[in-house]
Structures are given as C-alpha cells and as structure tokens.
C-alpha atoms as a PDB file:
ATOM      1  CA  ILE A   1       5.843-178.502  85.303  1.00  0.00           C
ATOM      2  CA  THR A   2       3.056-176.385  86.625  1.00  0.00           C
ATOM      3  CA  HIS A   3       0.235-177.549  88.893  1.00  0.00           C
ATOM      4  CA  ASN A   4      -2.860-175.940  90.264  1.00  0.00           C
ATOM      5  CA  LEU A   5      -3.438-176.873  93.837  1.00  0.00           C
ATOM      6  CA  PRO A   6      -7.040-177.655  94.827  1.00  0.00           C
ATOM      7  CA  SER A   7      -9.299-174.776  95.704  1.00  0.00           C
ATOM      8  CA  TYR A   8      -9.709-174.019  99.527  1.00  0.00           C
ATOM      9  CA  TYR A   9     -12.802-172.217 101.198  1.00  0.00           C
ATOM     10  CA  ARG A  10     -13.349-170.233 104.021  1.00  0.00           C
ATOM     11  CA  GLU A  11     -16.804-169.025 105.364  1.00  0.00           C
ATOM     12  CA  ASN A  12     -17.667-165.372 107.064  1.00  0.00           C
ATOM     13  CA  ILE A  13     -14.245-163.954 106.346  1.00  0.00           C
ATOM     14  CA  GLY A  14     -14.085-160.883 108.681  1.00  0.00           C
ATOM     15  CA  ALA A  15     -16.504-162.266 111.220  1.00  0.00           C
ATOM     16  CA  SER A  16     -13.601-162.537 114.130  1.00  0.00           C
ATOM     17  CA  GLY A  17     -12.166-159.023 113.103  1.00  0.00           C
ATOM     18  CA  ASP A  18      -8.791-158.726 111.450  1.00  0.00           C
ATOM     19  CA  ALA A  19      -6.949-161.996 111.462  1.00  0.00           C
ATOM     20  CA  SER A  20      -5.180-164.579 109.475  1.00  0.00           C
ATOM     21  CA  TYR A  21      -7.863-167.199 108.612  1.00  0.00           C
ATOM     22  CA  THR A  22      -6.953-170.653 107.839  1.00  0.00           C
ATOM     23  CA  THR A  23      -8.781-172.304 104.606  1.00  0.00           C
ATOM     24  CA  ARG A  24     -10.267-175.391 104.343  1.00  0.00           C
ATOM     25  CA  LEU A  25     -10.362-178.147 101.347  1.00  0.00           C
ATOM     26  CA  MET A  26     -13.651-179.706 100.637  1.00  0.00           C
ATOM     27  CA  THR A  27     -13.696-183.469 101.580  1.00  0.00           C
ATOM     28  CA  PRO A  28     -16.154-186.210 101.128  1.00  0.00           C
ATOM     29  CA  THR A  29     -18.045-186.797 104.387  1.00  0.00           C
ATOM     30  CA  SER A  30     -20.725-189.563 104.107  1.00  0.00           C
ATOM     31  CA  GLY A  31     -22.536-190.829 100.990  1.00  0.00           C
ATOM     32  CA  SER A  32     -22.918-187.562  98.857  1.00  0.00           C
ATOM     33  CA  GLY A  33     -21.924-185.105 101.317  1.00  0.00           C
ATOM     34  CA  LEU A  34     -19.049-182.756 101.457  1.00  0.00           C
ATOM     35  CA  GLY A  35     -17.226-181.393 104.404  1.00  0.00           C
ATOM     36  CA  GLU A  36     -14.454-179.025 104.901  1.00  0.00           C
ATOM     37  CA  THR A  37     -10.922-179.846 106.369  1.00  0.00           C
ATOM     38  CA  GLU A  38      -8.107-177.780 107.324  1.00  0.00           C
ATOM     39  CA  LEU A  39      -5.140-179.719 105.490  1.00  0.00           C
ATOM     40  CA  ALA A  40      -1.851-178.570 104.459  1.00  0.00           C
ATOM     41  CA  LEU A  41      -0.761-180.318 101.386  1.00  0.00           C
ATOM     42  CA  PRO A  42       2.732-181.864 101.106  1.00  0.00           C
ATOM     43  CA  MET A  43       4.576-181.198  97.899  1.00  0.00           C
ATOM     44  CA  PRO A  44       6.057-184.405  95.933  1.00  0.00           C
ATOM     45  CA  ARG A  45       9.399-182.344  94.828  1.00  0.00           C
ATOM     46  CA  ALA A  46      10.879-178.808  95.356  1.00  0.00           C
ATOM     47  CA  GLY A  47       9.377-175.897  93.436  1.00  0.00           C
ATOM     48  CA  ARG A  48       7.994-172.681  93.725  1.00  0.00           C
ATOM     49  CA  VAL A  49       4.471-170.922  94.260  1.00  0.00           C
ATOM     50  CA  ILE A  50       3.930-168.780  90.967  1.00  0.00           C
ATOM     51  CA  GLY A  51       0.435-167.621  91.395  1.00  0.00           C
ATOM     52  CA  GLY A  52      -2.601-167.536  93.230  1.00  0.00           C
ATOM     53  CA  TYR A  53      -6.336-166.586  92.900  1.00  0.00           C
ATOM     54  CA  LEU A  54      -8.574-165.054  95.862  1.00  0.00           C
ATOM     55  CA  TRP A  55     -12.316-164.571  95.326  1.00  0.00           C
ATOM     56  CA  SER A  56     -15.597-163.746  97.589  1.00  0.00           C
ATOM     57  CA  SER A  57     -19.161-164.343  97.431  1.00  0.00           C
ATOM     58  CA  GLU A  58     -19.717-160.717  98.226  1.00  0.00           C
ATOM     59  CA  ALA A  59     -17.896-157.530  97.027  1.00  0.00           C
ATOM     60  CA  ARG A  60     -15.773-156.204  99.410  1.00  0.00           C
ATOM     61  CA  THR A  61     -17.113-152.924 101.039  1.00  0.00           C
ATOM     62  CA  ALA A  62     -14.415-152.043 103.741  1.00  0.00           C
ATOM     63  CA  GLY A  63     -10.813-153.215 104.441  1.00  0.00           C
ATOM     64  CA  THR A  64      -8.805-155.422 102.800  1.00  0.00           C
ATOM     65  CA  ALA A  65      -8.246-159.520 102.182  1.00  0.00           C
ATOM     66  CA  THR A  66      -5.020-160.608 101.000  1.00  0.00           C
ATOM     67  CA  LEU A  67      -3.955-164.150 100.077  1.00  0.00           C
ATOM     68  CA  ARG A  68      -1.307-165.514 102.091  1.00  0.00           C
ATOM     69  CA  VAL A  69       0.798-168.791 101.657  1.00  0.00           C
ATOM     70  CA  ARG A  70       2.102-170.826 104.616  1.00  0.00           C
ATOM     71  CA  ILE A  71       4.931-173.133 103.770  1.00  0.00           C
ATOM     72  CA  THR A  72       6.112-175.510 106.316  1.00  0.00           C
ATOM     73  CA  GLU A  73       9.661-176.951 105.869  1.00  0.00           C
ATOM     74  CA  GLY A  74      11.247-179.340 108.590  1.00  0.00           C
ATOM     75  CA  GLY A  75       8.763-178.014 111.392  1.00  0.00           C
ATOM     76  CA  THR A  76       9.287-174.157 110.579  1.00  0.00           C
ATOM     77  CA  SER A  77       6.453-172.304 109.115  1.00  0.00           C
ATOM     78  CA  THR A  78       6.822-169.159 107.104  1.00  0.00           C
ATOM     79  CA  ASP A  79       4.187-166.892 105.965  1.00  0.00           C
ATOM     80  CA  TYR A  80       4.367-165.100 102.484  1.00  0.00           C
ATOM     81  CA  ASP A  81       1.664-162.659 101.285  1.00  0.00           C
ATOM     82  CA  LEU A  82       0.784-162.298  97.513  1.00  0.00           C
ATOM     83  CA  THR A  83       0.502-158.682  97.829  1.00  0.00           C
ATOM     84  CA  ASP A  84      -0.893-158.340  94.498  1.00  0.00           C
ATOM     85  CA  CYS A  85      -3.584-161.046  95.226  1.00  0.00           C
ATOM     86  CA  VAL A  86      -5.910-158.719  97.484  1.00  0.00           C
ATOM     87  CA  LEU A  87      -9.448-157.528  97.501  1.00  0.00           C
ATOM     88  CA  ASN A  88      -9.897-153.764  98.253  1.00  0.00           C
ATOM     89  CA  ALA A  89     -11.475-150.667  96.782  1.00  0.00           C
ATOM     90  CA  THR A  90     -10.406-151.321  93.421  1.00  0.00           C
ATOM     91  CA  THR A  91     -10.585-155.406  93.143  1.00  0.00           C
ATOM     92  CA  THR A  92     -13.776-155.822  95.233  1.00  0.00           C
ATOM     93  CA  GLN A  93     -14.647-159.699  94.544  1.00  0.00           C
ATOM     94  CA  ALA A  94     -11.657-161.578  92.818  1.00  0.00           C
ATOM     95  CA  ALA A  95      -8.197-161.074  92.486  1.00  0.00           C
ATOM     96  CA  THR A  96      -5.292-162.945  90.931  1.00  0.00           C
ATOM     97  CA  GLN A  97      -1.461-162.711  90.700  1.00  0.00           C
ATOM     98  CA  SER A  98       1.215-164.422  88.659  1.00  0.00           C
ATOM     99  CA  LEU A  99       4.843-164.545  89.546  1.00  0.00           C
ATOM    100  CA  SER A 100       7.629-165.545  87.157  1.00  0.00           C
ATOM    101  CA  TRP A 101       9.857-168.346  88.367  1.00  0.00           C
ATOM    102  CA  GLY A 102      12.577-165.960  89.525  1.00  0.00           C
ATOM    103  CA  LYS A 103      10.239-164.290  91.753  1.00  0.00           C
ATOM    104  CA  GLY A 104       8.265-167.388  92.893  1.00  0.00           C
ATOM    105  CA  ILE A 105       7.983-168.520  96.640  1.00  0.00           C
ATOM    106  CA  PRO A 106      10.360-171.340  96.882  1.00  0.00           C
ATOM    107  CA  PHE A 107       9.787-174.648  98.893  1.00  0.00           C
ATOM    108  CA  ALA A 108      11.561-177.784  99.281  1.00  0.00           C
ATOM    109  CA  GLU A 109      10.577-181.419  98.454  1.00  0.00           C
ATOM    110  CA  ALA A 110       8.137-182.734 101.169  1.00  0.00           C
ATOM    111  CA  ALA A 111       7.172-179.150 102.449  1.00  0.00           C
ATOM    112  CA  THR A 112       3.415-178.541 103.141  1.00  0.00           C
ATOM    113  CA  ILE A 113       1.665-175.629 101.776  1.00  0.00           C
ATOM    114  CA  ASP A 114      -1.704-174.302 102.813  1.00  0.00           C
ATOM    115  CA  PRO A 115      -3.313-170.800 101.743  1.00  0.00           C
ATOM    116  CA  ARG A 116      -4.815-168.420 104.209  1.00  0.00           C
ATOM    117  CA  ILE A 117      -6.672-165.472 103.934  1.00  0.00           C
ATOM    118  CA  VAL A 118      -5.648-162.046 105.968  1.00  0.00           C
ATOM    119  CA  THR A 119      -7.954-159.388 106.700  1.00  0.00           C
ATOM    120  CA  ALA A 120      -6.987-155.791 107.804  1.00  0.00           C
ATOM    121  CA  GLY A 121      -8.795-152.519 107.980  1.00  0.00           C
ATOM    122  CA  THR A 122     -12.077-154.060 109.558  1.00  0.00           C
ATOM    123  CA  PHE A 123     -12.910-156.247 106.347  1.00  0.00           C
ATOM    124  CA  THR A 124     -16.612-156.324 105.449  1.00  0.00           C
ATOM    125  CA  PRO A 125     -18.952-157.907 104.636  1.00  0.00           C
ATOM    126  CA  THR A 126     -18.360-160.092 107.658  1.00  0.00           C
ATOM    127  CA  THR A 127     -20.598-162.978 105.842  1.00  0.00           C
ATOM    128  CA  ALA A 128     -18.322-163.012 102.925  1.00  0.00           C
ATOM    129  CA  ASP A 129     -17.523-166.672 102.071  1.00  0.00           C
ATOM    130  CA  MET A 130     -14.128-166.769 100.247  1.00  0.00           C
ATOM    131  CA  GLY A 131     -12.273-169.287  98.064  1.00  0.00           C
ATOM    132  CA  CYS A 132      -8.842-169.445  96.913  1.00  0.00           C
ATOM    133  CA  ALA A 133      -6.284-171.534  94.801  1.00  0.00           C
ATOM    134  CA  LEU A 134      -2.445-171.513  94.315  1.00  0.00           C
ATOM    135  CA  ILE A 135      -0.547-172.290  91.349  1.00  0.00           C
ATOM    136  CA  VAL A 136       2.746-174.220  91.908  1.00  0.00           C
ATOM    137  CA  ALA A 137       5.708-175.084  89.523  1.00  0.00           C
ATOM    138  CA  PHE A 138       7.844-178.003  90.387  1.00  0.00           C
ATOM    139  CA  GLU A 139      11.629-178.243  89.412  1.00  0.00           C
ATOM    140  CA  GLU A 140      12.199-181.051  86.722  1.00  0.00           C
ATOM    141  CA  PRO A 141      13.205-184.351  87.917  1.00  0.00           C
ATOM    142  CA  ALA A 142      16.759-185.087  87.739  1.00  0.00           C
END
C-alpha cells in the first residue's frame, strides 16, 4: 500500500547558513487562515520511505539542498538523506527520487517521520521558499 505524505514547507532556506532546516505542515488557524506547524507524523504501521520530492520557489544559484528524512522510533532519531533528491547545478528548482522496496528506508509501526532540507556549500538564494513531500509504502496487514 503506497501513500503520499502531505507536503511540508519552509521559507527562506539558506538564510541561516548551511544547516538542517525543519519543515512545516500547513495547518488551519482561524476562519480561512493557514499557519505552519512543525509536526512529525506517526505511521499507522511498518513500512518504508520509497521516494521524495523537493522543490523551490527560486532556482538554486549556489550550493546544494538535499531532502532528508528523520525517523524517530522509541525515542531514537535517525536521519537519512535522499542523495538523488537534491537541488544543485544540474537540477536547480525541482528534484525527485524513487527507491525500490528493497532499497527503501525502513520504519516501524508508530514511528514518526518528518522531512528536513539540508543545505551545503552556502546555498543561495537565501530567500528561496521550499516544499517537499515523501512517499511511503506500508507492509500489508496480516
């Protein structure tokens, strides 16, 4: 069973220098307003991260931005980079990566997942607003 997790966002990537930036879900505030909330999502059963998307409001002009997945299980967090889902000199505004089940990043039932964006090489423009999404596949129920 394959599922796309909701899109996460972060404004002004690169403005704090090279770093691992947490991303945020869009959440309702009051009336018709929207806000952003840093929130790791719990997984309903075991599975694997099998893909991701990373996009930017502006084309990258220096450095790199890579999609990272943080998986937390039993209080222990582990980071995994999707090394082909990167904005660089060749792929400047949108990137994607797909993994087979066997090469996917495993997680346990009730683990939480949150995507991050990691910059290196003095990423610019520092005003880039970015979004990302992860694709997960769940193990078949017993």
